[in-house]
Amino acid sequence: MKMFRKLSVIILCLIMFSSLTFATNSLRELYDDLFKQPPGEEYLASTTSRLQAAIMFLRLIGLETLALGSPISGNFSDAAVLAPQEQATLGYLKENSQLGWIGSGDGKFRANDPITKPELFKVALTTLNFIEGVDFTWANVITDTNKLCPGFIIGESEGGFTPSNENEGVHLTNAEFKGFMLELLNTPAKGSDEPFVGSLISKGIISPEVVSASGLSIIESIDCKSTFPVFQNNKVSLPETAVATFYGGTKKSVEITWPSVDTSNIGSFQVEGSIDGYSNKIVITVSVAELPHKSTYRPGEFD
């Protein structure tokens, strides 16, 4: 997803770490605010806390305002040291354990502890409707995540992190967290073919205009011819590009990568192409027909 990462101008700097002031959960307002004061290098190099990550997830899925109205009673045992709004957020997370934020297992949330990769992967999978104990396990969460959502695993060369188990406790920087959340936006939820951001748009949590204005280019659909006829043992001519429609309405030509196609057998079969930055495959049908037989008739031969 190189194109996707290169265009990471900044929906997660939209929804990330402006000041944790809870003033709004409007991505439009956050976008405007953050472009006035974009995060600096020092901030991006600092560590992401569990509380920061939790707030960003709630903001991303449109639940931050609801969380802020949550009662403070019945909270994690270590929540009392936090500010009232942060206590309310933790109270909501404790009450709604289905969101994946279940604390540290000893009744505490440990809000200021750095978030680790396994913790982040578990919550992300839960956000995408994968079920712990069915689709993944905590013991194998990194391996399971790599199978279910391979786009989450960002190479070190891209400024992200790798799934190596020996490093699974390594803490994430804000830059890595931002990159991870950008991948989350472009990853389909369980049972869906569209990127997660499409679901947020359809629910009215994020508008297509915000996605477009952020500079984050996420493909909504591809317009490509679906059937390609070819004679047996001939090379099939597949398109090198297709027209992509991005969230926000922008259209432009994008390159398609196709595998080699064997036309030695007569019949129809499907071929899957891929587009950098697009999670779905481009599926077309190749129809191989027998070469027409050449006539040996010569004028006057049978007169």
C-alpha atoms as a PDB file:
ATOM      1  CA  MET A   1       0.000   0.000   0.000  1.00  0.00           C
ATOM      2  CA  LYS A   2       2.791   2.396  -0.839  1.00  0.00           C
ATOM      3  CA  MET A   3       0.545   4.916  -2.546  1.00  0.00           C
ATOM      4  CA  PHE A   4      -1.691   4.906   0.499  1.00  0.00           C
ATOM      5  CA  ARG A   5       1.145   5.596   2.887  1.00  0.00           C
ATOM      6  CA  LYS A   6       2.674   8.248   0.674  1.00  0.00           C
ATOM      7  CA  LEU A   7      -0.631  10.077   0.795  1.00  0.00           C
ATOM      8  CA  SER A   8      -0.833   9.958   4.556  1.00  0.00           C
ATOM      9  CA  VAL A   9      -1.374  13.708   4.699  1.00  0.00           C
ATOM     10  CA  ILE A  10      -3.182  13.546   7.435  1.00  0.00           C
ATOM     11  CA  ILE A  11      -6.526  12.171   8.348  1.00  0.00           C
ATOM     12  CA  LEU A  12      -4.854  10.770  11.411  1.00  0.00           C
ATOM     13  CA  CYS A  13      -3.167  13.982  12.026  1.00  0.00           C
ATOM     14  CA  LEU A  14      -6.830  14.988  11.728  1.00  0.00           C
ATOM     15  CA  ILE A  15      -7.938  12.760  14.488  1.00  0.00           C
ATOM     16  CA  MET A  16      -4.712  12.519  16.390  1.00  0.00           C
ATOM     17  CA  PHE A  17      -3.219  14.230  19.306  1.00  0.00           C
ATOM     18  CA  SER A  18      -4.060  17.889  18.818  1.00  0.00           C
ATOM     19  CA  SER A  19      -4.258  18.413  22.560  1.00  0.00           C
ATOM     20  CA  LEU A  20      -6.701  15.761  23.836  1.00  0.00           C
ATOM     21  CA  THR A  21      -9.005  18.625  24.779  1.00  0.00           C
ATOM     22  CA  PHE A  22     -12.247  16.843  23.797  1.00  0.00           C
ATOM     23  CA  ALA A  23     -13.606  20.097  22.391  1.00  0.00           C
ATOM     24  CA  THR A  24     -15.122  18.364  19.387  1.00  0.00           C
ATOM     25  CA  ASN A  25     -15.298  15.058  17.567  1.00  0.00           C
ATOM     26  CA  SER A  26     -15.833  16.768  14.225  1.00  0.00           C
ATOM     27  CA  LEU A  27     -13.106  15.709  11.846  1.00  0.00           C
ATOM     28  CA  ARG A  28     -13.762  18.839   9.820  1.00  0.00           C
ATOM     29  CA  GLU A  29     -12.900  21.059  12.797  1.00  0.00           C
ATOM     30  CA  LEU A  30      -9.987  18.884  13.815  1.00  0.00           C
ATOM     31  CA  TYR A  31      -8.664  19.044  10.290  1.00  0.00           C
ATOM     32  CA  ASP A  32      -8.835  22.844  10.258  1.00  0.00           C
ATOM     33  CA  ASP A  33      -7.226  23.116  13.699  1.00  0.00           C
ATOM     34  CA  LEU A  34      -4.406  20.706  12.970  1.00  0.00           C
ATOM     35  CA  PHE A  35      -3.410  22.357   9.766  1.00  0.00           C
ATOM     36  CA  LYS A  36      -2.761  25.497  11.766  1.00  0.00           C
ATOM     37  CA  GLN A  37      -0.586  23.580  14.230  1.00  0.00           C
ATOM     38  CA  PRO A  38       0.619  20.320  12.687  1.00  0.00           C
ATOM     39  CA  PRO A  39       2.488  17.936  15.012  1.00  0.00           C
ATOM     40  CA  GLY A  40       6.256  18.452  15.105  1.00  0.00           C
ATOM     41  CA  GLU A  41       8.990  15.847  14.802  1.00  0.00           C
ATOM     42  CA  GLU A  42       9.548  15.718  18.557  1.00  0.00           C
ATOM     43  CA  TYR A  43       5.890  14.980  19.188  1.00  0.00           C
ATOM     44  CA  LEU A  44       5.696  12.295  16.502  1.00  0.00           C
ATOM     45  CA  ALA A  45       8.758  10.611  18.021  1.00  0.00           C
ATOM     46  CA  SER A  46       7.181  10.407  21.495  1.00  0.00           C
ATOM     47  CA  THR A  47       5.373   7.339  22.803  1.00  0.00           C
ATOM     48  CA  THR A  48       1.622   6.755  22.452  1.00  0.00           C
ATOM     49  CA  SER A  49      -0.136   6.033  25.747  1.00  0.00           C
ATOM     50  CA  ARG A  50      -3.028   3.625  26.230  1.00  0.00           C
ATOM     51  CA  LEU A  51      -5.344   6.536  27.019  1.00  0.00           C
ATOM     52  CA  GLN A  52      -4.317   8.446  23.882  1.00  0.00           C
ATOM     53  CA  ALA A  53      -4.911   5.374  21.735  1.00  0.00           C
ATOM     54  CA  ALA A  54      -8.300   4.715  23.335  1.00  0.00           C
ATOM     55  CA  ILE A  55      -9.448   8.290  22.773  1.00  0.00           C
ATOM     56  CA  MET A  56      -8.383   8.184  19.125  1.00  0.00           C
ATOM     57  CA  PHE A  57     -10.274   4.950  18.527  1.00  0.00           C
ATOM     58  CA  LEU A  58     -13.419   6.376  20.113  1.00  0.00           C
ATOM     59  CA  ARG A  59     -13.058   9.533  18.048  1.00  0.00           C
ATOM     60  CA  LEU A  60     -12.491   7.526  14.883  1.00  0.00           C
ATOM     61  CA  ILE A  61     -15.688   5.489  15.246  1.00  0.00           C
ATOM     62  CA  GLY A  62     -17.810   8.422  16.409  1.00  0.00           C
ATOM     63  CA  LEU A  63     -18.222   7.470  20.076  1.00  0.00           C
ATOM     64  CA  GLU A  64     -16.119  10.105  21.826  1.00  0.00           C
ATOM     65  CA  THR A  65     -19.029  12.424  22.667  1.00  0.00           C
ATOM     66  CA  LEU A  66     -21.045   9.516  24.034  1.00  0.00           C
ATOM     67  CA  ALA A  67     -18.074   8.436  26.142  1.00  0.00           C
ATOM     68  CA  LEU A  68     -17.693  11.907  27.614  1.00  0.00           C
ATOM     69  CA  GLY A  69     -21.268  11.684  28.942  1.00  0.00           C
ATOM     70  CA  SER A  70     -20.618   8.363  30.621  1.00  0.00           C
ATOM     71  CA  PRO A  71     -21.036   8.147  34.442  1.00  0.00           C
ATOM     72  CA  ILE A  72     -17.778   8.058  36.378  1.00  0.00           C
ATOM     73  CA  SER A  73     -18.947   5.413  38.891  1.00  0.00           C
ATOM     74  CA  GLY A  74     -18.092   1.773  38.245  1.00  0.00           C
ATOM     75  CA  ASN A  75     -14.777   2.682  36.696  1.00  0.00           C
ATOM     76  CA  PHE A  76     -11.331   1.126  36.554  1.00  0.00           C
ATOM     77  CA  SER A  77      -9.664   1.185  39.954  1.00  0.00           C
ATOM     78  CA  ASP A  78      -6.905   3.571  38.868  1.00  0.00           C
ATOM     79  CA  ALA A  79      -9.177   6.048  37.028  1.00  0.00           C
ATOM     80  CA  ALA A  80      -9.651   8.370  40.022  1.00  0.00           C
ATOM     81  CA  VAL A  81      -6.290  10.044  39.501  1.00  0.00           C
ATOM     82  CA  LEU A  82      -7.313  11.260  36.056  1.00  0.00           C
ATOM     83  CA  ALA A  83      -9.217  14.383  35.021  1.00  0.00           C
ATOM     84  CA  PRO A  84     -13.039  14.085  35.068  1.00  0.00           C
ATOM     85  CA  GLN A  85     -13.351  13.858  31.280  1.00  0.00           C
ATOM     86  CA  GLU A  86     -10.714  11.136  31.145  1.00  0.00           C
ATOM     87  CA  GLN A  87     -12.500   9.296  33.952  1.00  0.00           C
ATOM     88  CA  ALA A  88     -15.708   9.460  31.938  1.00  0.00           C
ATOM     89  CA  THR A  89     -13.926   8.016  28.911  1.00  0.00           C
ATOM     90  CA  LEU A  90     -12.525   5.105  30.917  1.00  0.00           C
ATOM     91  CA  GLY A  91     -15.936   4.522  32.520  1.00  0.00           C
ATOM     92  CA  TYR A  92     -17.452   4.190  29.062  1.00  0.00           C
ATOM     93  CA  LEU A  93     -14.727   1.767  27.965  1.00  0.00           C
ATOM     94  CA  LYS A  94     -15.248  -0.369  31.068  1.00  0.00           C
ATOM     95  CA  GLU A  95     -19.018  -0.407  30.516  1.00  0.00           C
ATOM     96  CA  ASN A  96     -18.570  -1.305  26.843  1.00  0.00           C
ATOM     97  CA  SER A  97     -15.962  -4.040  26.965  1.00  0.00           C
ATOM     98  CA  GLN A  98     -17.092  -5.230  23.526  1.00  0.00           C
ATOM     99  CA  LEU A  99     -14.966  -2.394  22.132  1.00  0.00           C
ATOM    100  CA  GLY A 100     -11.891  -4.323  23.234  1.00  0.00           C
ATOM    101  CA  TRP A 101     -10.535  -1.995  25.933  1.00  0.00           C
ATOM    102  CA  ILE A 102     -10.716  -4.296  28.952  1.00  0.00           C
ATOM    103  CA  GLY A 103      -7.867  -2.860  30.984  1.00  0.00           C
ATOM    104  CA  SER A 104      -4.738  -4.581  32.207  1.00  0.00           C
ATOM    105  CA  GLY A 105      -6.430  -7.580  33.813  1.00  0.00           C
ATOM    106  CA  ASP A 106      -6.028  -6.441  37.430  1.00  0.00           C
ATOM    107  CA  GLY A 107      -8.950  -4.009  37.547  1.00  0.00           C
ATOM    108  CA  LYS A 108      -6.751  -1.168  36.330  1.00  0.00           C
ATOM    109  CA  PHE A 109      -6.539   0.568  32.956  1.00  0.00           C
ATOM    110  CA  ARG A 110      -3.001   1.962  33.299  1.00  0.00           C
ATOM    111  CA  ALA A 111      -3.903   4.979  31.199  1.00  0.00           C
ATOM    112  CA  ASN A 112      -0.414   6.446  31.002  1.00  0.00           C
ATOM    113  CA  ASP A 113       1.374   3.223  30.111  1.00  0.00           C
ATOM    114  CA  PRO A 114       2.594   3.027  26.520  1.00  0.00           C
ATOM    115  CA  ILE A 115       0.363   0.958  24.265  1.00  0.00           C
ATOM    116  CA  THR A 116       1.992  -2.154  22.809  1.00  0.00           C
ATOM    117  CA  LYS A 117       1.543  -3.780  19.429  1.00  0.00           C
ATOM    118  CA  PRO A 118      -0.521  -6.751  20.704  1.00  0.00           C
ATOM    119  CA  GLU A 119      -2.878  -4.378  22.530  1.00  0.00           C
ATOM    120  CA  LEU A 120      -3.271  -2.186  19.474  1.00  0.00           C
ATOM    121  CA  PHE A 121      -3.813  -5.134  17.136  1.00  0.00           C
ATOM    122  CA  LYS A 122      -6.446  -6.643  19.404  1.00  0.00           C
ATOM    123  CA  VAL A 123      -8.491  -3.445  19.566  1.00  0.00           C
ATOM    124  CA  ALA A 124      -8.128  -2.859  15.835  1.00  0.00           C
ATOM    125  CA  LEU A 125      -9.363  -6.369  15.015  1.00  0.00           C
ATOM    126  CA  THR A 126     -12.285  -5.868  17.388  1.00  0.00           C
ATOM    127  CA  THR A 127     -13.084  -2.537  15.718  1.00  0.00           C
ATOM    128  CA  LEU A 128     -13.186  -4.381  12.375  1.00  0.00           C
ATOM    129  CA  ASN A 129     -15.748  -6.861  13.801  1.00  0.00           C
ATOM    130  CA  PHE A 130     -13.343  -9.770  14.241  1.00  0.00           C
ATOM    131  CA  ILE A 131     -14.203 -11.795  17.343  1.00  0.00           C
ATOM    132  CA  GLU A 132     -11.653 -12.809  19.943  1.00  0.00           C
ATOM    133  CA  GLY A 133     -11.759 -16.550  20.501  1.00  0.00           C
ATOM    134  CA  VAL A 134     -13.307 -17.092  17.062  1.00  0.00           C
ATOM    135  CA  ASP A 135     -11.232 -15.181  14.515  1.00  0.00           C
ATOM    136  CA  PHE A 136      -8.159 -14.530  16.664  1.00  0.00           C
ATOM    137  CA  THR A 137      -6.694 -15.247  20.083  1.00  0.00           C
ATOM    138  CA  TRP A 138      -4.805 -12.981  22.432  1.00  0.00           C
ATOM    139  CA  ALA A 139      -1.914 -15.453  22.619  1.00  0.00           C
ATOM    140  CA  ASN A 140      -1.452 -15.303  18.828  1.00  0.00           C
ATOM    141  CA  VAL A 141      -2.796 -11.833  18.139  1.00  0.00           C
ATOM    142  CA  ILE A 142       0.200 -10.655  16.088  1.00  0.00           C
ATOM    143  CA  THR A 143       0.257 -13.776  13.910  1.00  0.00           C
ATOM    144  CA  ASP A 144      -3.532 -13.718  13.534  1.00  0.00           C
ATOM    145  CA  THR A 145      -3.492 -10.045  12.628  1.00  0.00           C
ATOM    146  CA  ASN A 146      -0.910 -10.693   9.947  1.00  0.00           C
ATOM    147  CA  LYS A 147      -3.258 -13.272   8.416  1.00  0.00           C
ATOM    148  CA  LEU A 148      -6.506 -11.301   8.760  1.00  0.00           C
ATOM    149  CA  CYS A 149      -5.192  -7.817   7.977  1.00  0.00           C
ATOM    150  CA  PRO A 150      -1.737  -8.026   6.403  1.00  0.00           C
ATOM    151  CA  GLY A 151      -1.825  -4.309   5.604  1.00  0.00           C
ATOM    152  CA  PHE A 152      -1.420  -3.589   9.328  1.00  0.00           C
ATOM    153  CA  ILE A 153       2.132  -4.874   9.236  1.00  0.00           C
ATOM    154  CA  ILE A 154       4.128  -1.861   8.101  1.00  0.00           C
ATOM    155  CA  GLY A 155       7.781  -2.400   7.209  1.00  0.00           C
ATOM    156  CA  GLU A 156      10.515  -0.650   9.122  1.00  0.00           C
ATOM    157  CA  SER A 157      11.602   1.068   5.911  1.00  0.00           C
ATOM    158  CA  GLU A 158       8.212   2.767   5.783  1.00  0.00           C
ATOM    159  CA  GLY A 159       8.629   4.166   9.290  1.00  0.00           C
ATOM    160  CA  GLY A 160       6.290   1.615  10.822  1.00  0.00           C
ATOM    161  CA  PHE A 161       6.829  -1.615  12.727  1.00  0.00           C
ATOM    162  CA  THR A 162       7.178  -5.320  12.046  1.00  0.00           C
ATOM    163  CA  PRO A 163       5.253  -8.289  13.485  1.00  0.00           C
ATOM    164  CA  SER A 164       8.295 -10.046  14.964  1.00  0.00           C
ATOM    165  CA  ASN A 165       7.226 -11.730  18.205  1.00  0.00           C
ATOM    166  CA  GLU A 166      10.500 -10.954  19.966  1.00  0.00           C
ATOM    167  CA  ASN A 167       9.677  -7.252  19.600  1.00  0.00           C
ATOM    168  CA  GLU A 168       5.995  -7.468  20.421  1.00  0.00           C
ATOM    169  CA  GLY A 169       6.376  -5.477  23.631  1.00  0.00           C
ATOM    170  CA  VAL A 170       8.099  -2.572  21.906  1.00  0.00           C
ATOM    171  CA  HIS A 171       6.207   0.661  22.448  1.00  0.00           C
ATOM    172  CA  LEU A 172       4.827   2.664  19.568  1.00  0.00           C
ATOM    173  CA  THR A 173       5.674   6.213  18.670  1.00  0.00           C
ATOM    174  CA  ASN A 174       2.940   8.638  17.689  1.00  0.00           C
ATOM    175  CA  ALA A 175       4.235   8.489  14.112  1.00  0.00           C
ATOM    176  CA  GLU A 176       3.870   4.699  14.096  1.00  0.00           C
ATOM    177  CA  PHE A 177       0.420   4.942  15.638  1.00  0.00           C
ATOM    178  CA  LYS A 178      -0.593   7.432  12.968  1.00  0.00           C
ATOM    179  CA  GLY A 179       0.658   5.096  10.235  1.00  0.00           C
ATOM    180  CA  PHE A 180      -1.169   2.173  11.780  1.00  0.00           C
ATOM    181  CA  MET A 181      -4.460   4.068  11.996  1.00  0.00           C
ATOM    182  CA  LEU A 182      -4.112   5.117   8.374  1.00  0.00           C
ATOM    183  CA  GLU A 183      -3.859   1.438   7.481  1.00  0.00           C
ATOM    184  CA  LEU A 184      -6.951   0.759   9.599  1.00  0.00           C
ATOM    185  CA  LEU A 185      -8.958   3.295   7.592  1.00  0.00           C
ATOM    186  CA  ASN A 186      -8.060   1.492   4.385  1.00  0.00           C
ATOM    187  CA  THR A 187      -8.740  -2.041   5.683  1.00  0.00           C
ATOM    188  CA  PRO A 188     -12.118  -3.763   5.151  1.00  0.00           C
ATOM    189  CA  ALA A 189     -14.027  -4.927   8.206  1.00  0.00           C
ATOM    190  CA  LYS A 190     -14.915  -8.593   8.550  1.00  0.00           C
ATOM    191  CA  GLY A 191     -17.389  -9.602   5.840  1.00  0.00           C
ATOM    192  CA  SER A 192     -16.991  -6.321   3.929  1.00  0.00           C
ATOM    193  CA  ASP A 193     -15.303  -5.467   0.652  1.00  0.00           C
ATOM    194  CA  GLU A 194     -15.014  -1.729   1.224  1.00  0.00           C
ATOM    195  CA  PRO A 195     -12.317  -0.032   3.317  1.00  0.00           C
ATOM    196  CA  PHE A 196     -13.290   0.808   6.883  1.00  0.00           C
ATOM    197  CA  VAL A 197     -13.425   4.514   6.057  1.00  0.00           C
ATOM    198  CA  GLY A 198     -16.326   3.713   3.690  1.00  0.00           C
ATOM    199  CA  SER A 199     -18.296   2.392   6.645  1.00  0.00           C
ATOM    200  CA  LEU A 200     -17.545   5.552   8.616  1.00  0.00           C
ATOM    201  CA  ILE A 201     -18.722   7.652   5.680  1.00  0.00           C
ATOM    202  CA  SER A 202     -21.972   5.697   5.288  1.00  0.00           C
ATOM    203  CA  LYS A 203     -22.692   6.170   9.002  1.00  0.00           C
ATOM    204  CA  GLY A 204     -22.095   9.914   8.738  1.00  0.00           C
ATOM    205  CA  ILE A 205     -19.093   9.818  11.092  1.00  0.00           C
ATOM    206  CA  ILE A 206     -16.718  11.105   8.421  1.00  0.00           C
ATOM    207  CA  SER A 207     -17.864  12.965   5.317  1.00  0.00           C
ATOM    208  CA  PRO A 208     -16.413  12.236   1.866  1.00  0.00           C
ATOM    209  CA  GLU A 209     -15.461  15.906   1.647  1.00  0.00           C
ATOM    210  CA  VAL A 210     -13.280  15.605   4.766  1.00  0.00           C
ATOM    211  CA  VAL A 211     -11.509  12.564   3.331  1.00  0.00           C
ATOM    212  CA  SER A 212     -10.937  14.431   0.084  1.00  0.00           C
ATOM    213  CA  ALA A 213      -9.892  17.692   1.740  1.00  0.00           C
ATOM    214  CA  SER A 214      -7.427  15.888   4.000  1.00  0.00           C
ATOM    215  CA  GLY A 215      -5.376  14.833   1.014  1.00  0.00           C
ATOM    216  CA  LEU A 216      -5.896  11.186   1.947  1.00  0.00           C
ATOM    217  CA  SER A 217      -6.773   9.396  -1.287  1.00  0.00           C
ATOM    218  CA  ILE A 218      -8.808   6.241  -0.677  1.00  0.00           C
ATOM    219  CA  ILE A 219     -10.327   4.475  -3.662  1.00  0.00           C
ATOM    220  CA  GLU A 220     -14.079   3.903  -3.474  1.00  0.00           C
ATOM    221  CA  SER A 221     -14.586   2.035  -6.755  1.00  0.00           C
ATOM    222  CA  ILE A 222     -12.885   1.018  -9.989  1.00  0.00           C
ATOM    223  CA  ASP A 223     -14.361   1.228 -13.478  1.00  0.00           C
ATOM    224  CA  CYS A 224     -12.865  -1.568 -15.570  1.00  0.00           C
ATOM    225  CA  LYS A 225     -14.130  -3.689 -18.452  1.00  0.00           C
ATOM    226  CA  SER A 226     -15.134  -7.102 -17.126  1.00  0.00           C
ATOM    227  CA  THR A 227     -14.799  -9.570 -20.044  1.00  0.00           C
ATOM    228  CA  PHE A 228     -11.861 -10.161 -22.373  1.00  0.00           C
ATOM    229  CA  PRO A 229     -12.084 -12.617 -25.305  1.00  0.00           C
ATOM    230  CA  VAL A 230      -8.982 -14.194 -26.815  1.00  0.00           C
ATOM    231  CA  PHE A 231      -8.185 -17.018 -29.215  1.00  0.00           C
ATOM    232  CA  GLN A 232      -6.428 -20.115 -27.901  1.00  0.00           C
ATOM    233  CA  ASN A 233      -2.673 -19.746 -27.371  1.00  0.00           C
ATOM    234  CA  ASN A 234      -2.824 -16.022 -28.124  1.00  0.00           C
ATOM    235  CA  LYS A 235      -1.853 -13.308 -25.669  1.00  0.00           C
ATOM    236  CA  VAL A 236      -4.834 -11.677 -24.001  1.00  0.00           C
ATOM    237  CA  SER A 237      -4.730  -7.889 -23.947  1.00  0.00           C
ATOM    238  CA  LEU A 238      -5.606  -6.656 -20.469  1.00  0.00           C
ATOM    239  CA  PRO A 239      -5.834  -2.960 -19.588  1.00  0.00           C
ATOM    240  CA  GLU A 240      -2.804  -1.357 -18.002  1.00  0.00           C
ATOM    241  CA  THR A 241      -4.950   1.277 -16.259  1.00  0.00           C
ATOM    242  CA  ALA A 242      -8.493   1.826 -15.018  1.00  0.00           C
ATOM    243  CA  VAL A 243     -10.489   4.814 -13.821  1.00  0.00           C
ATOM    244  CA  ALA A 244     -10.631   5.017 -10.020  1.00  0.00           C
ATOM    245  CA  THR A 245     -13.257   6.986  -8.113  1.00  0.00           C
ATOM    246  CA  PHE A 246     -11.930   8.218  -4.776  1.00  0.00           C
ATOM    247  CA  TYR A 247     -13.973   9.068  -1.705  1.00  0.00           C
ATOM    248  CA  GLY A 248     -14.914  12.671  -2.221  1.00  0.00           C
ATOM    249  CA  GLY A 249     -15.681  12.172  -5.935  1.00  0.00           C
ATOM    250  CA  THR A 250     -12.262  12.657  -7.532  1.00  0.00           C
ATOM    251  CA  LYS A 251     -11.552  10.404 -10.527  1.00  0.00           C
ATOM    252  CA  LYS A 252      -8.198   9.537 -12.031  1.00  0.00           C
ATOM    253  CA  SER A 253      -6.408   6.797 -13.907  1.00  0.00           C
ATOM    254  CA  VAL A 254      -4.559   4.184 -11.820  1.00  0.00           C
ATOM    255  CA  GLU A 255      -2.252   1.357 -12.864  1.00  0.00           C
ATOM    256  CA  ILE A 256      -3.346  -2.287 -12.644  1.00  0.00           C
ATOM    257  CA  THR A 257      -0.955  -5.183 -12.071  1.00  0.00           C
ATOM    258  CA  TRP A 258      -2.017  -8.491 -13.654  1.00  0.00           C
ATOM    259  CA  PRO A 259      -0.567 -11.974 -13.278  1.00  0.00           C
ATOM    260  CA  SER A 260       0.493 -13.928 -16.353  1.00  0.00           C
ATOM    261  CA  VAL A 261      -2.493 -15.492 -18.144  1.00  0.00           C
ATOM    262  CA  ASP A 262      -2.397 -18.969 -19.714  1.00  0.00           C
ATOM    263  CA  THR A 263      -4.626 -19.212 -22.812  1.00  0.00           C
ATOM    264  CA  SER A 264      -3.709 -22.760 -23.809  1.00  0.00           C
ATOM    265  CA  ASN A 265      -7.073 -24.190 -22.704  1.00  0.00           C
ATOM    266  CA  ILE A 266     -10.450 -23.309 -24.210  1.00  0.00           C
ATOM    267  CA  GLY A 267     -13.013 -21.924 -21.778  1.00  0.00           C
ATOM    268  CA  SER A 268     -13.692 -19.012 -19.429  1.00  0.00           C
ATOM    269  CA  PHE A 269     -11.959 -18.237 -16.158  1.00  0.00           C
ATOM    270  CA  GLN A 270     -11.415 -15.332 -13.808  1.00  0.00           C
ATOM    271  CA  VAL A 271      -8.232 -13.333 -13.380  1.00  0.00           C
ATOM    272  CA  GLU A 272      -7.512 -11.036 -10.428  1.00  0.00           C
ATOM    273  CA  GLY A 273      -5.570  -7.812 -10.822  1.00  0.00           C
ATOM    274  CA  SER A 274      -4.365  -5.493  -8.085  1.00  0.00           C
ATOM    275  CA  ILE A 275      -4.063  -1.739  -7.665  1.00  0.00           C
ATOM    276  CA  ASP A 276      -1.616  -0.185  -5.227  1.00  0.00           C
ATOM    277  CA  GLY A 277      -3.565   1.355  -2.351  1.00  0.00           C
ATOM    278  CA  TYR A 278      -6.812  -0.543  -3.097  1.00  0.00           C
ATOM    279  CA  SER A 279      -7.734  -3.489  -0.884  1.00  0.00           C
ATOM    280  CA  ASN A 280     -10.106  -5.198  -3.342  1.00  0.00           C
ATOM    281  CA  LYS A 281      -9.010  -7.241  -6.329  1.00  0.00           C
ATOM    282  CA  ILE A 282      -9.996  -6.288  -9.872  1.00  0.00           C
ATOM    283  CA  VAL A 283     -11.773  -9.428 -11.118  1.00  0.00           C
ATOM    284  CA  ILE A 284     -12.238  -9.905 -14.847  1.00  0.00           C
ATOM    285  CA  THR A 285     -13.264 -12.875 -17.005  1.00  0.00           C
ATOM    286  CA  VAL A 286     -11.042 -14.181 -19.800  1.00  0.00           C
ATOM    287  CA  SER A 287     -12.860 -16.222 -22.476  1.00  0.00           C
ATOM    288  CA  VAL A 288     -10.583 -18.420 -24.576  1.00  0.00           C
ATOM    289  CA  ALA A 289     -12.032 -19.567 -27.922  1.00  0.00           C
ATOM    290  CA  GLU A 290     -10.703 -22.078 -30.438  1.00  0.00           C
ATOM    291  CA  LEU A 291      -8.921 -20.595 -33.416  1.00  0.00           C
ATOM    292  CA  PRO A 292     -11.144 -20.704 -36.523  1.00  0.00           C
ATOM    293  CA  HIS A 293     -10.038 -23.319 -39.032  1.00  0.00           C
ATOM    294  CA  LYS A 294      -8.574 -21.941 -42.250  1.00  0.00           C
ATOM    295  CA  SER A 295     -10.446 -22.960 -45.418  1.00  0.00           C
ATOM    296  CA  THR A 296      -8.517 -25.005 -48.025  1.00  0.00           C
ATOM    297  CA  TYR A 297     -11.101 -24.348 -50.751  1.00  0.00           C
ATOM    298  CA  ARG A 298      -9.691 -22.930 -53.988  1.00  0.00           C
ATOM    299  CA  PRO A 299     -11.996 -21.246 -56.485  1.00  0.00           C
ATOM    300  CA  GLY A 300     -12.925 -23.635 -59.341  1.00  0.00           C
ATOM    301  CA  GLU A 301     -11.614 -26.731 -57.527  1.00  0.00           C
ATOM    302  CA  PHE A 302     -15.023 -28.421 -57.339  1.00  0.00           C
ATOM    303  CA  ASP A 303     -16.653 -26.847 -60.432  1.00  0.00           C
END
